[in-house]
Amino acid sequence: MPADPQAPARAPVRVRLPAHLVRLFPDGETLAEVAASDVRQLMDALDARWPGMRSRLCDERPAIRRHINVFVDGRRARLDTPLAPGADVFILTAISGG
């Protein structure tokens, strides 16, 4: 099937994941490069590489889970946030305490 000419091109982006998250997945890595044009596609790519990753990061709405923070080039992101080629994406878990 030919590619949709209206769909944005998927370009490689760098994703940094928390070590305690990747330990849950065989061959998990804290730094990965995936092709995605937005954060939703990035989540799909991570889940394709490590099945179950999306459910750790996103809820059923779908939206990024409340205690997960995603930053793209230093700015907080949502699933519909576009990704420029070579973007730096950080996925962090929230830290709370008293």
N, C-alpha and C. Protein backbone atom coordinates (compact mmCIF):
# COMPACT_ATOMS: atom_id res chain seq x y z
N MET A 1 0.85 -1.17 0.00
CA MET A 1 0.00 0.00 0.00
C MET A 1 0.90 1.24 0.00
N PRO A 2 0.65 2.20 -0.89
CA PRO A 2 1.49 3.41 -0.95
C PRO A 2 1.31 4.27 0.29
N ALA A 3 2.36 5.01 0.61
CA ALA A 3 2.31 5.91 1.77
C ALA A 3 1.33 7.05 1.51
N ASP A 4 0.70 7.51 2.57
CA ASP A 4 -0.23 8.64 2.48
C ASP A 4 0.57 9.92 2.28
N PRO A 5 0.38 10.62 1.15
CA PRO A 5 1.16 11.84 0.90
C PRO A 5 0.86 12.95 1.89
N GLN A 6 -0.27 12.90 2.58
CA GLN A 6 -0.63 13.92 3.57
C GLN A 6 -0.02 13.63 4.94
N ALA A 7 0.42 12.39 5.16
CA ALA A 7 0.97 12.03 6.47
C ALA A 7 2.37 12.62 6.62
N PRO A 8 2.68 13.16 7.81
CA PRO A 8 4.02 13.69 8.02
C PRO A 8 5.06 12.57 7.95
N ALA A 9 6.22 12.88 7.43
CA ALA A 9 7.29 11.90 7.33
C ALA A 9 7.81 11.55 8.72
N ARG A 10 8.10 10.29 8.91
CA ARG A 10 8.69 9.85 10.17
C ARG A 10 10.19 10.00 10.08
N ALA A 11 10.77 10.70 11.04
CA ALA A 11 12.21 10.92 11.06
C ALA A 11 12.76 10.40 12.38
N PRO A 12 14.04 10.04 12.42
CA PRO A 12 14.61 9.54 13.67
C PRO A 12 14.66 10.62 14.75
N VAL A 13 14.29 10.21 15.95
CA VAL A 13 14.41 11.05 17.15
C VAL A 13 15.11 10.24 18.23
N ARG A 14 15.74 10.92 19.17
CA ARG A 14 16.41 10.26 20.30
C ARG A 14 15.49 10.29 21.51
N VAL A 15 15.34 9.13 22.14
CA VAL A 15 14.46 9.00 23.30
C VAL A 15 15.29 8.53 24.49
N ARG A 16 15.17 9.25 25.59
CA ARG A 16 15.84 8.84 26.83
C ARG A 16 14.76 8.37 27.80
N LEU A 17 14.96 7.15 28.30
CA LEU A 17 13.98 6.52 29.19
C LEU A 17 14.60 6.29 30.56
N PRO A 18 13.78 6.33 31.62
CA PRO A 18 14.31 6.10 32.96
C PRO A 18 14.78 4.65 33.13
N ALA A 19 15.92 4.48 33.78
CA ALA A 19 16.51 3.15 33.96
C ALA A 19 15.55 2.19 34.66
N HIS A 20 14.81 2.66 35.66
CA HIS A 20 13.92 1.76 36.38
C HIS A 20 12.77 1.28 35.51
N LEU A 21 12.43 2.01 34.45
CA LEU A 21 11.39 1.57 33.52
C LEU A 21 11.94 0.53 32.55
N VAL A 22 13.09 0.77 31.96
CA VAL A 22 13.60 -0.16 30.96
C VAL A 22 14.03 -1.48 31.57
N ARG A 23 14.29 -1.51 32.85
CA ARG A 23 14.63 -2.78 33.51
C ARG A 23 13.47 -3.78 33.45
N LEU A 24 12.26 -3.28 33.25
CA LEU A 24 11.08 -4.15 33.17
C LEU A 24 10.97 -4.86 31.82
N PHE A 25 11.80 -4.50 30.85
CA PHE A 25 11.70 -5.03 29.50
C PHE A 25 13.01 -5.69 29.09
N PRO A 26 12.92 -6.92 28.53
CA PRO A 26 14.13 -7.58 28.07
C PRO A 26 14.85 -6.70 27.04
N ASP A 27 16.14 -6.61 27.17
CA ASP A 27 16.97 -5.80 26.27
C ASP A 27 16.58 -4.33 26.28
N GLY A 28 15.97 -3.86 27.37
CA GLY A 28 15.61 -2.45 27.48
C GLY A 28 16.85 -1.56 27.46
N GLU A 29 16.69 -0.38 26.90
CA GLU A 29 17.79 0.58 26.78
C GLU A 29 17.32 1.94 27.29
N THR A 30 18.21 2.68 27.92
CA THR A 30 17.84 4.01 28.40
C THR A 30 17.93 5.05 27.29
N LEU A 31 18.60 4.74 26.19
CA LEU A 31 18.68 5.63 25.04
C LEU A 31 18.31 4.84 23.80
N ALA A 32 17.32 5.32 23.08
CA ALA A 32 16.86 4.64 21.87
C ALA A 32 16.65 5.66 20.77
N GLU A 33 16.77 5.21 19.55
CA GLU A 33 16.46 6.05 18.40
C GLU A 33 15.29 5.39 17.68
N VAL A 34 14.23 6.15 17.46
CA VAL A 34 13.05 5.64 16.76
C VAL A 34 12.60 6.65 15.72
N ALA A 35 11.85 6.18 14.73
CA ALA A 35 11.31 7.06 13.71
C ALA A 35 9.87 7.38 14.07
N ALA A 36 9.56 8.66 14.23
CA ALA A 36 8.20 9.10 14.59
C ALA A 36 8.03 10.56 14.23
N SER A 37 6.80 10.93 13.84
CA SER A 37 6.54 12.34 13.53
C SER A 37 5.79 13.04 14.65
N ASP A 38 5.29 12.28 15.63
CA ASP A 38 4.68 12.88 16.83
C ASP A 38 4.85 11.92 17.99
N VAL A 39 4.48 12.37 19.19
CA VAL A 39 4.69 11.56 20.39
C VAL A 39 3.84 10.29 20.34
N ARG A 40 2.66 10.34 19.77
CA ARG A 40 1.82 9.13 19.65
C ARG A 40 2.55 8.04 18.85
N GLN A 41 3.15 8.43 17.71
CA GLN A 41 3.91 7.46 16.91
C GLN A 41 5.14 6.97 17.66
N LEU A 42 5.74 7.85 18.46
CA LEU A 42 6.88 7.46 19.28
C LEU A 42 6.47 6.37 20.26
N MET A 43 5.31 6.54 20.90
CA MET A 43 4.81 5.52 21.84
C MET A 43 4.57 4.20 21.12
N ASP A 44 4.02 4.27 19.90
CA ASP A 44 3.80 3.06 19.09
C ASP A 44 5.12 2.37 18.78
N ALA A 45 6.14 3.17 18.43
CA ALA A 45 7.44 2.60 18.09
C ALA A 45 8.10 1.95 19.31
N LEU A 46 7.99 2.60 20.47
CA LEU A 46 8.53 2.01 21.70
C LEU A 46 7.82 0.70 22.03
N ASP A 47 6.49 0.69 21.85
CA ASP A 47 5.71 -0.52 22.14
C ASP A 47 6.04 -1.64 21.15
N ALA A 48 6.34 -1.29 19.91
CA ALA A 48 6.74 -2.31 18.93
C ALA A 48 8.09 -2.93 19.33
N ARG A 49 8.98 -2.11 19.86
CA ARG A 49 10.30 -2.60 20.27
C ARG A 49 10.21 -3.36 21.59
N TRP A 50 9.43 -2.84 22.53
CA TRP A 50 9.28 -3.44 23.84
C TRP A 50 7.79 -3.57 24.15
N PRO A 51 7.16 -4.66 23.75
CA PRO A 51 5.71 -4.83 23.96
C PRO A 51 5.32 -4.59 25.42
N GLY A 52 4.29 -3.78 25.60
CA GLY A 52 3.82 -3.42 26.93
C GLY A 52 4.30 -2.05 27.39
N MET A 53 5.27 -1.47 26.68
CA MET A 53 5.80 -0.16 27.07
C MET A 53 4.71 0.91 27.02
N ARG A 54 3.88 0.90 25.97
CA ARG A 54 2.85 1.93 25.84
C ARG A 54 1.92 1.93 27.06
N SER A 55 1.53 0.76 27.53
CA SER A 55 0.60 0.72 28.67
C SER A 55 1.25 1.23 29.95
N ARG A 56 2.56 1.21 30.03
CA ARG A 56 3.26 1.79 31.18
C ARG A 56 3.29 3.32 31.10
N LEU A 57 3.24 3.84 29.87
CA LEU A 57 3.39 5.28 29.66
C LEU A 57 2.08 6.00 29.38
N CYS A 58 1.10 5.29 28.82
CA CYS A 58 -0.18 5.91 28.42
C CYS A 58 -1.34 5.18 29.07
N ASP A 59 -2.43 5.91 29.29
CA ASP A 59 -3.63 5.30 29.84
C ASP A 59 -4.59 4.95 28.71
N GLU A 60 -5.81 4.55 29.06
CA GLU A 60 -6.77 4.07 28.07
C GLU A 60 -7.49 5.18 27.31
N ARG A 61 -7.33 6.45 27.68
CA ARG A 61 -8.06 7.54 27.00
C ARG A 61 -7.76 7.67 25.53
N PRO A 62 -6.72 7.65 24.91
CA PRO A 62 -5.34 7.56 25.41
C PRO A 62 -4.75 8.94 25.70
N ALA A 63 -3.94 8.96 26.72
CA ALA A 63 -3.18 10.15 27.10
C ALA A 63 -1.96 9.67 27.87
N ILE A 64 -0.98 10.53 27.99
CA ILE A 64 0.20 10.19 28.79
C ILE A 64 -0.25 10.08 30.24
N ARG A 65 0.19 9.03 30.92
CA ARG A 65 -0.22 8.80 32.31
C ARG A 65 0.14 9.99 33.19
N ARG A 66 -0.64 10.15 34.23
CA ARG A 66 -0.52 11.31 35.13
C ARG A 66 0.86 11.47 35.75
N HIS A 67 1.50 10.36 36.07
CA HIS A 67 2.80 10.45 36.75
C HIS A 67 3.98 10.25 35.80
N ILE A 68 3.70 10.39 34.51
CA ILE A 68 4.75 10.32 33.49
C ILE A 68 4.86 11.70 32.84
N ASN A 69 6.07 12.16 32.66
CA ASN A 69 6.31 13.43 31.99
C ASN A 69 7.12 13.19 30.73
N VAL A 70 6.67 13.76 29.62
CA VAL A 70 7.39 13.65 28.36
C VAL A 70 7.80 15.06 27.95
N PHE A 71 9.07 15.23 27.66
CA PHE A 71 9.61 16.51 27.23
C PHE A 71 10.25 16.34 25.85
N VAL A 72 9.91 17.25 24.95
CA VAL A 72 10.49 17.27 23.60
C VAL A 72 11.29 18.56 23.49
N ASP A 73 12.58 18.40 23.30
CA ASP A 73 13.49 19.55 23.22
C ASP A 73 13.24 20.53 24.37
N GLY A 74 13.07 19.98 25.57
CA GLY A 74 12.94 20.79 26.78
C GLY A 74 11.55 21.30 27.09
N ARG A 75 10.55 20.99 26.26
CA ARG A 75 9.18 21.46 26.49
C ARG A 75 8.27 20.28 26.77
N ARG A 76 7.38 20.47 27.72
CA ARG A 76 6.42 19.41 28.06
C ARG A 76 5.58 19.07 26.84
N ALA A 77 5.31 17.78 26.65
CA ALA A 77 4.62 17.32 25.44
C ALA A 77 3.40 16.49 25.77
N ARG A 78 2.51 16.40 24.77
CA ARG A 78 1.33 15.52 24.81
C ARG A 78 1.47 14.53 23.65
N LEU A 79 0.51 13.63 23.51
CA LEU A 79 0.58 12.65 22.43
C LEU A 79 0.56 13.29 21.05
N ASP A 80 -0.12 14.43 20.91
CA ASP A 80 -0.20 15.07 19.59
C ASP A 80 0.93 16.05 19.31
N THR A 81 1.92 16.12 20.20
CA THR A 81 3.06 17.02 19.99
C THR A 81 3.91 16.51 18.82
N PRO A 82 4.14 17.37 17.81
CA PRO A 82 4.97 16.96 16.67
C PRO A 82 6.43 16.81 17.07
N LEU A 83 7.14 15.96 16.33
CA LEU A 83 8.56 15.73 16.56
C LEU A 83 9.34 16.12 15.31
N ALA A 84 10.28 17.02 15.47
CA ALA A 84 11.16 17.41 14.37
C ALA A 84 12.26 16.35 14.23
N PRO A 85 12.81 16.17 13.04
CA PRO A 85 13.93 15.23 12.88
C PRO A 85 15.04 15.56 13.88
N GLY A 86 15.54 14.53 14.54
CA GLY A 86 16.62 14.71 15.50
C GLY A 86 16.20 15.24 16.86
N ALA A 87 14.91 15.34 17.11
CA ALA A 87 14.43 15.86 18.40
C ALA A 87 14.94 15.01 19.55
N ASP A 88 15.14 15.66 20.69
CA ASP A 88 15.50 14.96 21.93
C ASP A 88 14.24 14.82 22.76
N VAL A 89 13.91 13.59 23.09
CA VAL A 89 12.71 13.30 23.88
C VAL A 89 13.16 12.67 25.19
N PHE A 90 12.70 13.23 26.30
CA PHE A 90 12.97 12.68 27.62
C PHE A 90 11.65 12.19 28.20
N ILE A 91 11.63 10.96 28.65
CA ILE A 91 10.46 10.42 29.34
C ILE A 91 10.89 10.20 30.78
N LEU A 92 10.20 10.87 31.69
CA LEU A 92 10.55 10.85 33.10
C LEU A 92 9.35 10.44 33.93
N THR A 93 9.61 9.80 35.05
CA THR A 93 8.54 9.53 36.00
C THR A 93 8.54 10.63 37.04
N ALA A 94 7.36 11.02 37.46
CA ALA A 94 7.24 12.07 38.48
C ALA A 94 7.77 11.54 39.80
N ILE A 95 8.36 12.44 40.56
CA ILE A 95 8.88 12.10 41.88
C ILE A 95 8.06 12.88 42.88
N SER A 96 7.54 12.17 43.87
CA SER A 96 6.75 12.86 44.90
C SER A 96 7.27 12.44 46.26
N GLY A 97 6.95 13.21 47.21
CA GLY A 97 7.40 12.90 48.56
C GLY A 97 6.86 13.93 49.53
N GLY A 98 7.22 13.77 50.75
CA GLY A 98 6.66 14.70 51.72
C GLY A 98 7.63 15.15 52.71
